[in-house]
All heavy atoms as atom14 arrays in JSON, in Angstrom:
{
  "sequence": "SRLDGGRYTIQGQSQRFDGVISSDRQLLTGEWEHRVGDDWIPFVR",
  "atom14_mask": [
    [1, 1, 1, 1, 1, 1, 0, 0, 0, 0, 0, 0, 0, 0],
    [1, 1, 1, 1, 1, 1, 1, 1, 1, 1, 1, 0, 0, 0],
    [1, 1, 1, 1, 1, 1, 1, 1, 0, 0, 0, 0, 0, 0],
    [1, 1, 1, 1, 1, 1, 1, 1, 0, 0, 0, 0, 0, 0],
    [1, 1, 1, 1, 0, 0, 0, 0, 0, 0, 0, 0, 0, 0],
    [1, 1, 1, 1, 0, 0, 0, 0, 0, 0, 0, 0, 0, 0],
    [1, 1, 1, 1, 1, 1, 1, 1, 1, 1, 1, 0, 0, 0],
    [1, 1, 1, 1, 1, 1, 1, 1, 1, 1, 1, 1, 0, 0],
    [1, 1, 1, 1, 1, 1, 1, 0, 0, 0, 0, 0, 0, 0],
    [1, 1, 1, 1, 1, 1, 1, 1, 0, 0, 0, 0, 0, 0],
    [1, 1, 1, 1, 1, 1, 1, 1, 1, 0, 0, 0, 0, 0],
    [1, 1, 1, 1, 0, 0, 0, 0, 0, 0, 0, 0, 0, 0],
    [1, 1, 1, 1, 1, 1, 1, 1, 1, 0, 0, 0, 0, 0],
    [1, 1, 1, 1, 1, 1, 0, 0, 0, 0, 0, 0, 0, 0],
    [1, 1, 1, 1, 1, 1, 1, 1, 1, 0, 0, 0, 0, 0],
    [1, 1, 1, 1, 1, 1, 1, 1, 1, 1, 1, 0, 0, 0],
    [1, 1, 1, 1, 1, 1, 1, 1, 1, 1, 1, 0, 0, 0],
    [1, 1, 1, 1, 1, 1, 1, 1, 0, 0, 0, 0, 0, 0],
    [1, 1, 1, 1, 0, 0, 0, 0, 0, 0, 0, 0, 0, 0],
    [1, 1, 1, 1, 1, 1, 1, 0, 0, 0, 0, 0, 0, 0],
    [1, 1, 1, 1, 1, 1, 1, 1, 0, 0, 0, 0, 0, 0],
    [1, 1, 1, 1, 1, 1, 0, 0, 0, 0, 0, 0, 0, 0],
    [1, 1, 1, 1, 1, 1, 0, 0, 0, 0, 0, 0, 0, 0],
    [1, 1, 1, 1, 1, 1, 1, 1, 0, 0, 0, 0, 0, 0],
    [1, 1, 1, 1, 1, 1, 1, 1, 1, 1, 1, 0, 0, 0],
    [1, 1, 1, 1, 1, 1, 1, 1, 1, 0, 0, 0, 0, 0],
    [1, 1, 1, 1, 1, 1, 1, 1, 0, 0, 0, 0, 0, 0],
    [1, 1, 1, 1, 1, 1, 1, 1, 0, 0, 0, 0, 0, 0],
    [1, 1, 1, 1, 1, 1, 1, 0, 0, 0, 0, 0, 0, 0],
    [1, 1, 1, 1, 0, 0, 0, 0, 0, 0, 0, 0, 0, 0],
    [1, 1, 1, 1, 1, 1, 1, 1, 1, 0, 0, 0, 0, 0],
    [1, 1, 1, 1, 1, 1, 1, 1, 1, 1, 1, 1, 1, 1],
    [1, 1, 1, 1, 1, 1, 1, 1, 1, 0, 0, 0, 0, 0],
    [1, 1, 1, 1, 1, 1, 1, 1, 1, 1, 0, 0, 0, 0],
    [1, 1, 1, 1, 1, 1, 1, 1, 1, 1, 1, 0, 0, 0],
    [1, 1, 1, 1, 1, 1, 1, 0, 0, 0, 0, 0, 0, 0],
    [1, 1, 1, 1, 0, 0, 0, 0, 0, 0, 0, 0, 0, 0],
    [1, 1, 1, 1, 1, 1, 1, 1, 0, 0, 0, 0, 0, 0],
    [1, 1, 1, 1, 1, 1, 1, 1, 0, 0, 0, 0, 0, 0],
    [1, 1, 1, 1, 1, 1, 1, 1, 1, 1, 1, 1, 1, 1],
    [1, 1, 1, 1, 1, 1, 1, 1, 0, 0, 0, 0, 0, 0],
    [1, 1, 1, 1, 1, 1, 1, 0, 0, 0, 0, 0, 0, 0],
    [1, 1, 1, 1, 1, 1, 1, 1, 1, 1, 1, 0, 0, 0],
    [1, 1, 1, 1, 1, 1, 1, 0, 0, 0, 0, 0, 0, 0],
    [1, 1, 1, 1, 1, 1, 1, 1, 1, 1, 1, 0, 0, 0]
  ],
  "atom14_positions": [
    [[17.85, -39.0, 11.01], [16.51, -39.04, 10.37], [15.62, -39.91, 10.96], [16.11, -40.89, 11.83], [16.72, -39.29, 8.8], [17.4, -40.6, 8.61], [0.0, 0.0, 0.0], [0.0, 0.0, 0.0], [0.0, 0.0, 0.0], [0.0, 0.0, 0.0], [0.0, 0.0, 0.0], [0.0, 0.0, 0.0], [0.0, 0.0, 0.0], [0.0, 0.0, 0.0]],
    [[14.37, -39.84, 10.59], [13.34, -40.72, 11.22], [12.33, -41.07, 10.04], [12.05, -40.2, 9.29], [12.55, -40.06, 12.31], [13.46, -39.78, 13.5], [12.55, -39.41, 14.66], [11.81, -40.37, 15.27], [12.16, -41.43, 16.1], [13.49, -41.5, 16.35], [11.36, -42.3, 16.49], [0.0, 0.0, 0.0], [0.0, 0.0, 0.0], [0.0, 0.0, 0.0]],
    [[11.83, -42.24, 10.15], [10.72, -42.7, 9.21], [9.56, -43.15, 10.2], [9.76, -44.15, 10.85], [11.21, -43.98, 8.31], [12.03, -43.55, 7.1], [12.59, -44.73, 6.54], [10.9, -43.01, 6.03], [0.0, 0.0, 0.0], [0.0, 0.0, 0.0], [0.0, 0.0, 0.0], [0.0, 0.0, 0.0], [0.0, 0.0, 0.0], [0.0, 0.0, 0.0]],
    [[8.6, -42.39, 10.26], [7.43, -42.64, 11.2], [6.25, -42.73, 10.2], [5.73, -41.76, 9.68], [7.25, -41.5, 12.08], [8.3, -41.46, 13.06], [8.79, -42.44, 13.58], [9.01, -40.28, 13.34], [0.0, 0.0, 0.0], [0.0, 0.0, 0.0], [0.0, 0.0, 0.0], [0.0, 0.0, 0.0], [0.0, 0.0, 0.0], [0.0, 0.0, 0.0]],
    [[5.73, -44.08, 9.95], [4.77, -44.21, 9.07], [5.11, -43.76, 7.67], [6.32, -44.13, 7.18], [0.0, 0.0, 0.0], [0.0, 0.0, 0.0], [0.0, 0.0, 0.0], [0.0, 0.0, 0.0], [0.0, 0.0, 0.0], [0.0, 0.0, 0.0], [0.0, 0.0, 0.0], [0.0, 0.0, 0.0], [0.0, 0.0, 0.0], [0.0, 0.0, 0.0]],
    [[4.51, -42.96, 6.98], [4.96, -42.33, 5.67], [5.64, -41.11, 5.78], [6.07, -40.58, 4.79], [0.0, 0.0, 0.0], [0.0, 0.0, 0.0], [0.0, 0.0, 0.0], [0.0, 0.0, 0.0], [0.0, 0.0, 0.0], [0.0, 0.0, 0.0], [0.0, 0.0, 0.0], [0.0, 0.0, 0.0], [0.0, 0.0, 0.0], [0.0, 0.0, 0.0]],
    [[5.85, -40.57, 6.96], [6.58, -39.31, 7.23], [8.15, -39.59, 7.33], [8.56, -40.41, 8.03], [6.22, -38.57, 8.47], [6.67, -37.16, 8.45], [6.07, -36.31, 9.51], [6.63, -34.98, 9.58], [6.82, -34.31, 10.63], [6.28, -34.74, 11.75], [7.39, -33.17, 10.61], [0.0, 0.0, 0.0], [0.0, 0.0, 0.0], [0.0, 0.0, 0.0]],
    [[8.91, -38.8, 6.54], [10.37, -38.96, 6.53], [10.96, -37.64, 6.91], [10.8, -36.68, 6.16], [10.82, -39.43, 5.1], [12.3, -39.68, 4.98], [12.99, -40.25, 6.09], [13.01, -39.39, 3.81], [14.36, -40.45, 5.83], [14.32, -39.71, 3.6], [14.96, -40.2, 4.66], [16.33, -40.45, 4.57], [0.0, 0.0, 0.0], [0.0, 0.0, 0.0]],
    [[11.62, -37.53, 7.95], [12.31, -36.38, 8.39], [13.82, -36.5, 8.51], [14.27, -37.54, 8.91], [11.77, -35.72, 9.73], [11.91, -36.79, 10.71], [10.27, -35.4, 9.55], [0.0, 0.0, 0.0], [0.0, 0.0, 0.0], [0.0, 0.0, 0.0], [0.0, 0.0, 0.0], [0.0, 0.0, 0.0], [0.0, 0.0, 0.0], [0.0, 0.0, 0.0]],
    [[14.62, -35.44, 8.06], [16.03, -35.42, 8.24], [16.42, -34.23, 8.94], [15.93, -33.08, 8.51], [16.68, -35.47, 6.84], [16.14, -36.64, 6.07], [18.13, -35.47, 6.9], [16.48, -36.78, 4.55], [0.0, 0.0, 0.0], [0.0, 0.0, 0.0], [0.0, 0.0, 0.0], [0.0, 0.0, 0.0], [0.0, 0.0, 0.0], [0.0, 0.0, 0.0]],
    [[17.35, -34.25, 9.78], [17.8, -33.02, 10.55], [19.27, -33.02, 10.46], [20.03, -33.97, 10.93], [17.28, -33.17, 12.0], [17.72, -32.0, 12.77], [16.98, -30.66, 12.48], [15.66, -30.7, 12.32], [17.61, -29.61, 12.26], [0.0, 0.0, 0.0], [0.0, 0.0, 0.0], [0.0, 0.0, 0.0], [0.0, 0.0, 0.0], [0.0, 0.0, 0.0]],
    [[19.8, -31.89, 10.04], [21.24, -31.58, 10.19], [21.5, -30.27, 10.85], [20.53, -29.61, 11.31], [0.0, 0.0, 0.0], [0.0, 0.0, 0.0], [0.0, 0.0, 0.0], [0.0, 0.0, 0.0], [0.0, 0.0, 0.0], [0.0, 0.0, 0.0], [0.0, 0.0, 0.0], [0.0, 0.0, 0.0], [0.0, 0.0, 0.0], [0.0, 0.0, 0.0]],
    [[22.76, -29.82, 10.94], [23.01, -28.59, 11.75], [22.53, -27.34, 10.92], [22.04, -26.44, 11.55], [24.55, -28.49, 11.98], [24.95, -27.23, 12.64], [26.39, -27.31, 12.97], [27.17, -28.28, 12.58], [26.94, -26.24, 13.59], [0.0, 0.0, 0.0], [0.0, 0.0, 0.0], [0.0, 0.0, 0.0], [0.0, 0.0, 0.0], [0.0, 0.0, 0.0]],
    [[22.61, -27.41, 9.6], [22.28, -26.33, 8.78], [21.13, -26.49, 7.81], [20.67, -25.58, 7.04], [23.42, -25.61, 8.16], [24.02, -26.64, 7.17], [0.0, 0.0, 0.0], [0.0, 0.0, 0.0], [0.0, 0.0, 0.0], [0.0, 0.0, 0.0], [0.0, 0.0, 0.0], [0.0, 0.0, 0.0], [0.0, 0.0, 0.0], [0.0, 0.0, 0.0]],
    [[20.7, -27.85, 7.67], [19.64, -28.16, 6.68], [18.82, -29.17, 7.35], [19.25, -29.94, 8.16], [20.23, -28.82, 5.45], [20.99, -27.79, 4.59], [21.46, -28.41, 3.3], [21.51, -29.72, 3.14], [21.8, -27.74, 2.3], [0.0, 0.0, 0.0], [0.0, 0.0, 0.0], [0.0, 0.0, 0.0], [0.0, 0.0, 0.0], [0.0, 0.0, 0.0]],
    [[17.48, -29.16, 6.9], [16.5, -30.24, 7.35], [15.48, -30.49, 6.29], [15.28, -29.61, 5.38], [15.79, -29.69, 8.76], [14.92, -28.64, 8.65], [14.4, -28.26, 10.02], [13.43, -27.14, 9.9], [12.95, -26.54, 10.94], [13.27, -26.9, 12.24], [12.03, -25.63, 10.84], [0.0, 0.0, 0.0], [0.0, 0.0, 0.0], [0.0, 0.0, 0.0]],
    [[14.86, -31.56, 6.33], [13.89, -32.05, 5.42], [12.7, -32.53, 6.05], [12.79, -33.26, 7.13], [14.48, -33.12, 4.5], [13.5, -33.74, 3.52], [13.21, -32.98, 2.42], [13.06, -34.95, 3.73], [12.32, -33.58, 1.39], [12.16, -35.58, 2.84], [11.83, -34.91, 1.62], [0.0, 0.0, 0.0], [0.0, 0.0, 0.0], [0.0, 0.0, 0.0]],
    [[11.5, -32.29, 5.45], [10.27, -32.89, 5.96], [9.45, -33.32, 4.77], [9.31, -32.52, 3.83], [9.4, -31.83, 6.82], [8.31, -32.39, 7.56], [8.05, -33.65, 7.38], [7.57, -31.63, 8.1], [0.0, 0.0, 0.0], [0.0, 0.0, 0.0], [0.0, 0.0, 0.0], [0.0, 0.0, 0.0], [0.0, 0.0, 0.0], [0.0, 0.0, 0.0]],
    [[9.26, -34.69, 4.7], [8.63, -35.23, 3.49], [7.7, -36.35, 3.88], [7.61, -36.81, 5.03], [0.0, 0.0, 0.0], [0.0, 0.0, 0.0], [0.0, 0.0, 0.0], [0.0, 0.0, 0.0], [0.0, 0.0, 0.0], [0.0, 0.0, 0.0], [0.0, 0.0, 0.0], [0.0, 0.0, 0.0], [0.0, 0.0, 0.0], [0.0, 0.0, 0.0]],
    [[7.03, -36.94, 2.79], [5.99, -37.92, 2.94], [6.26, -38.9, 1.87], [6.37, -38.54, 0.65], [4.61, -37.33, 2.75], [3.56, -38.47, 2.69], [4.32, -36.38, 3.92], [0.0, 0.0, 0.0], [0.0, 0.0, 0.0], [0.0, 0.0, 0.0], [0.0, 0.0, 0.0], [0.0, 0.0, 0.0], [0.0, 0.0, 0.0], [0.0, 0.0, 0.0]],
    [[6.28, -40.14, 2.22], [6.33, -41.33, 1.31], [4.87, -41.86, 1.05], [4.17, -42.1, 1.98], [7.18, -42.43, 1.8], [8.69, -41.83, 1.99], [7.21, -43.6, 0.79], [9.51, -42.87, 2.71], [0.0, 0.0, 0.0], [0.0, 0.0, 0.0], [0.0, 0.0, 0.0], [0.0, 0.0, 0.0], [0.0, 0.0, 0.0], [0.0, 0.0, 0.0]],
    [[4.44, -41.93, -0.24], [3.15, -42.38, -0.49], [2.87, -43.72, 0.0], [3.89, -44.64, 0.08], [2.92, -42.32, -2.06], [3.75, -43.14, -2.81], [0.0, 0.0, 0.0], [0.0, 0.0, 0.0], [0.0, 0.0, 0.0], [0.0, 0.0, 0.0], [0.0, 0.0, 0.0], [0.0, 0.0, 0.0], [0.0, 0.0, 0.0], [0.0, 0.0, 0.0]],
    [[1.65, -44.16, 0.18], [1.35, -45.49, 0.76], [1.76, -46.61, -0.24], [2.08, -47.79, 0.22], [-0.12, -45.53, 1.02], [-0.96, -45.37, -0.07], [0.0, 0.0, 0.0], [0.0, 0.0, 0.0], [0.0, 0.0, 0.0], [0.0, 0.0, 0.0], [0.0, 0.0, 0.0], [0.0, 0.0, 0.0], [0.0, 0.0, 0.0], [0.0, 0.0, 0.0]],
    [[1.74, -46.26, -1.54], [2.24, -47.32, -2.57], [3.76, -47.35, -2.71], [4.27, -48.08, -3.5], [1.53, -47.23, -3.89], [1.84, -45.84, -4.53], [2.76, -45.08, -4.04], [1.28, -45.73, -5.66], [0.0, 0.0, 0.0], [0.0, 0.0, 0.0], [0.0, 0.0, 0.0], [0.0, 0.0, 0.0], [0.0, 0.0, 0.0], [0.0, 0.0, 0.0]],
    [[4.47, -46.54, -1.95], [5.92, -46.4, -1.87], [6.65, -45.94, -3.34], [7.61, -46.14, -3.62], [6.59, -47.79, -1.5], [6.07, -48.2, -0.16], [6.38, -49.59, 0.07], [7.78, -49.9, 0.13], [8.51, -50.6, 1.0], [7.91, -51.15, 2.05], [9.79, -50.75, 0.84], [0.0, 0.0, 0.0], [0.0, 0.0, 0.0], [0.0, 0.0, 0.0]],
    [[5.79, -45.25, -4.18], [6.24, -44.91, -5.52], [6.51, -43.48, -5.51], [7.07, -42.95, -6.53], [5.11, -45.22, -6.5], [4.73, -46.68, -6.58], [5.99, -47.55, -6.95], [6.55, -47.34, -7.92], [6.33, -48.5, -5.99], [0.0, 0.0, 0.0], [0.0, 0.0, 0.0], [0.0, 0.0, 0.0], [0.0, 0.0, 0.0], [0.0, 0.0, 0.0]],
    [[6.31, -42.61, -4.51], [6.5, -41.24, -4.55], [7.05, -40.66, -3.09], [6.43, -41.1, -2.12], [5.11, -40.57, -4.85], [5.11, -39.17, -5.22], [5.89, -38.9, -6.58], [3.69, -38.65, -5.31], [0.0, 0.0, 0.0], [0.0, 0.0, 0.0], [0.0, 0.0, 0.0], [0.0, 0.0, 0.0], [0.0, 0.0, 0.0], [0.0, 0.0, 0.0]],
    [[7.94, -39.84, -3.24], [8.44, -39.14, -2.01], [8.44, -37.65, -2.31], [9.06, -37.27, -3.31], [9.85, -39.62, -1.65], [10.6, -38.75, -0.62], [9.85, -38.73, 0.74], [12.0, -39.4, -0.36], [0.0, 0.0, 0.0], [0.0, 0.0, 0.0], [0.0, 0.0, 0.0], [0.0, 0.0, 0.0], [0.0, 0.0, 0.0], [0.0, 0.0, 0.0]],
    [[7.69, -36.94, -1.48], [7.68, -35.43, -1.67], [8.05, -34.73, -0.37], [7.64, -35.17, 0.58], [6.31, -34.99, -2.14], [5.31, -35.48, -1.19], [5.8, -35.64, -3.48], [0.0, 0.0, 0.0], [0.0, 0.0, 0.0], [0.0, 0.0, 0.0], [0.0, 0.0, 0.0], [0.0, 0.0, 0.0], [0.0, 0.0, 0.0], [0.0, 0.0, 0.0]],
    [[8.58, -33.53, -0.55], [8.88, -32.78, 0.63], [9.6, -31.51, 0.38], [9.95, -31.19, -0.84], [0.0, 0.0, 0.0], [0.0, 0.0, 0.0], [0.0, 0.0, 0.0], [0.0, 0.0, 0.0], [0.0, 0.0, 0.0], [0.0, 0.0, 0.0], [0.0, 0.0, 0.0], [0.0, 0.0, 0.0], [0.0, 0.0, 0.0], [0.0, 0.0, 0.0]],
    [[10.08, -30.89, 1.44], [10.83, -29.67, 1.27], [12.09, -29.63, 2.19], [11.99, -30.03, 3.33], [9.96, -28.34, 1.63], [8.9, -28.03, 0.69], [8.18, -26.72, 0.94], [8.56, -26.05, 2.04], [7.33, -26.33, 0.25], [0.0, 0.0, 0.0], [0.0, 0.0, 0.0], [0.0, 0.0, 0.0], [0.0, 0.0, 0.0], [0.0, 0.0, 0.0]],
    [[13.08, -29.14, 1.65], [14.39, -28.9, 2.32], [14.38, -27.38, 2.81], [13.89, -26.53, 2.04], [15.57, -29.06, 1.41], [15.9, -30.48, 1.39], [15.65, -31.42, 0.34], [16.76, -31.24, 2.18], [16.21, -32.64, 0.58], [16.96, -32.62, 1.71], [17.41, -30.97, 3.54], [17.64, -33.6, 2.39], [18.19, -31.97, 4.07], [18.34, -33.26, 3.5]],
    [[14.78, -27.26, 3.94], [15.07, -25.9, 4.53], [16.46, -25.7, 4.85], [17.13, -26.67, 5.29], [14.19, -25.65, 5.72], [12.72, -25.83, 5.51], [11.88, -25.59, 6.78], [12.34, -26.14, 7.89], [10.79, -25.0, 6.71], [0.0, 0.0, 0.0], [0.0, 0.0, 0.0], [0.0, 0.0, 0.0], [0.0, 0.0, 0.0], [0.0, 0.0, 0.0]],
    [[17.01, -24.51, 4.94], [18.28, -24.18, 5.47], [18.15, -23.14, 6.58], [17.29, -22.3, 6.64], [19.37, -23.9, 4.34], [19.11, -22.67, 3.71], [18.33, -22.65, 2.49], [19.31, -21.33, 4.0], [18.43, -21.39, 2.03], [18.88, -20.58, 2.87], [0.0, 0.0, 0.0], [0.0, 0.0, 0.0], [0.0, 0.0, 0.0], [0.0, 0.0, 0.0]],
    [[19.13, -23.23, 7.51], [19.17, -22.37, 8.58], [19.84, -20.83, 8.23], [20.96, -20.92, 7.65], [19.82, -22.86, 9.85], [19.88, -22.05, 11.01], [20.69, -22.58, 12.07], [20.13, -23.91, 12.51], [19.72, -24.31, 13.72], [19.83, -23.41, 14.64], [19.32, -25.49, 13.88], [0.0, 0.0, 0.0], [0.0, 0.0, 0.0], [0.0, 0.0, 0.0]],
    [[19.11, -19.93, 8.45], [19.67, -18.62, 8.33], [19.43, -17.88, 9.68], [18.38, -17.5, 10.03], [18.87, -17.73, 7.2], [19.39, -16.33, 7.09], [19.03, -18.46, 5.85], [0.0, 0.0, 0.0], [0.0, 0.0, 0.0], [0.0, 0.0, 0.0], [0.0, 0.0, 0.0], [0.0, 0.0, 0.0], [0.0, 0.0, 0.0], [0.0, 0.0, 0.0]],
    [[20.63, -17.77, 10.38], [20.57, -17.19, 11.78], [19.74, -18.18, 12.58], [20.07, -19.32, 12.66], [0.0, 0.0, 0.0], [0.0, 0.0, 0.0], [0.0, 0.0, 0.0], [0.0, 0.0, 0.0], [0.0, 0.0, 0.0], [0.0, 0.0, 0.0], [0.0, 0.0, 0.0], [0.0, 0.0, 0.0], [0.0, 0.0, 0.0], [0.0, 0.0, 0.0]],
    [[18.68, -17.68, 13.2], [17.84, -18.56, 14.11], [16.58, -19.13, 13.27], [15.8, -19.71, 13.93], [17.37, -17.85, 15.29], [18.37, -17.49, 16.34], [19.41, -18.35, 16.27], [18.37, -16.52, 16.97], [0.0, 0.0, 0.0], [0.0, 0.0, 0.0], [0.0, 0.0, 0.0], [0.0, 0.0, 0.0], [0.0, 0.0, 0.0], [0.0, 0.0, 0.0]],
    [[16.47, -18.69, 11.97], [15.3, -19.06, 11.18], [15.64, -20.24, 10.22], [16.75, -20.37, 9.76], [14.78, -17.88, 10.42], [14.35, -16.7, 11.3], [13.78, -17.01, 12.3], [14.73, -15.49, 10.92], [0.0, 0.0, 0.0], [0.0, 0.0, 0.0], [0.0, 0.0, 0.0], [0.0, 0.0, 0.0], [0.0, 0.0, 0.0], [0.0, 0.0, 0.0]],
    [[14.57, -20.98, 9.98], [14.59, -22.02, 8.98], [13.73, -21.51, 7.63], [12.65, -21.19, 7.82], [14.1, -23.34, 9.44], [14.91, -23.96, 10.43], [14.8, -23.87, 11.86], [16.04, -24.87, 10.16], [15.77, -24.57, 12.44], [16.45, -25.2, 11.46], [16.6, -25.32, 9.03], [17.71, -26.05, 11.48], [17.73, -26.13, 9.12], [18.15, -26.46, 10.51]],
    [[14.62, -21.47, 6.56], [14.0, -20.93, 5.32], [13.97, -22.04, 4.23], [14.98, -22.68, 3.94], [14.87, -19.81, 4.79], [15.21, -18.77, 5.93], [14.25, -19.22, 3.5], [14.0, -17.99, 6.45], [0.0, 0.0, 0.0], [0.0, 0.0, 0.0], [0.0, 0.0, 0.0], [0.0, 0.0, 0.0], [0.0, 0.0, 0.0], [0.0, 0.0, 0.0]],
    [[12.72, -22.35, 3.72], [12.55, -23.3, 2.65], [13.36, -22.91, 1.4], [13.44, -21.74, 1.07], [11.08, -23.29, 2.36], [10.43, -22.87, 3.51], [11.4, -21.81, 4.14], [0.0, 0.0, 0.0], [0.0, 0.0, 0.0], [0.0, 0.0, 0.0], [0.0, 0.0, 0.0], [0.0, 0.0, 0.0], [0.0, 0.0, 0.0], [0.0, 0.0, 0.0]],
    [[14.16, -23.8, 0.75], [14.91, -23.46, -0.35], [14.79, -24.46, -1.5], [15.03, -24.1, -2.67], [16.4, -23.4, -0.05], [17.2, -24.7, 0.16], [17.84, -25.28, -0.76], [17.31, -25.18, 1.51], [18.52, -26.44, -0.5], [17.86, -26.37, 1.75], [18.46, -27.0, 0.71], [0.0, 0.0, 0.0], [0.0, 0.0, 0.0], [0.0, 0.0, 0.0]],
    [[14.1, -25.62, -1.31], [13.89, -26.5, -2.45], [12.75, -27.4, -2.08], [12.65, -28.02, -1.01], [15.08, -27.21, -2.98], [15.57, -28.28, -1.95], [14.9, -27.9, -4.29], [0.0, 0.0, 0.0], [0.0, 0.0, 0.0], [0.0, 0.0, 0.0], [0.0, 0.0, 0.0], [0.0, 0.0, 0.0], [0.0, 0.0, 0.0], [0.0, 0.0, 0.0]],
    [[11.88, -27.75, -3.09], [10.78, -28.71, -2.93], [11.2, -29.78, -3.89], [11.72, -29.66, -5.05], [9.53, -28.04, -3.43], [8.37, -29.02, -3.33], [7.0, -28.36, -3.71], [6.8, -27.25, -2.74], [6.38, -26.0, -3.05], [6.21, -25.78, -4.36], [6.27, -25.1, -2.21], [0.0, 0.0, 0.0], [0.0, 0.0, 0.0], [0.0, 0.0, 0.0]]
  ]
}
């Protein structure tokens, strides 16, 4: 995973996450995706 500014990304073999941490550090929002074949499909916000 990486934390670049407010952006938080997580990468795994079959799942990944792309999110944002608010500037006041009180909120983290984003979406998880899972791999289906060669495609990444969002499955949860």
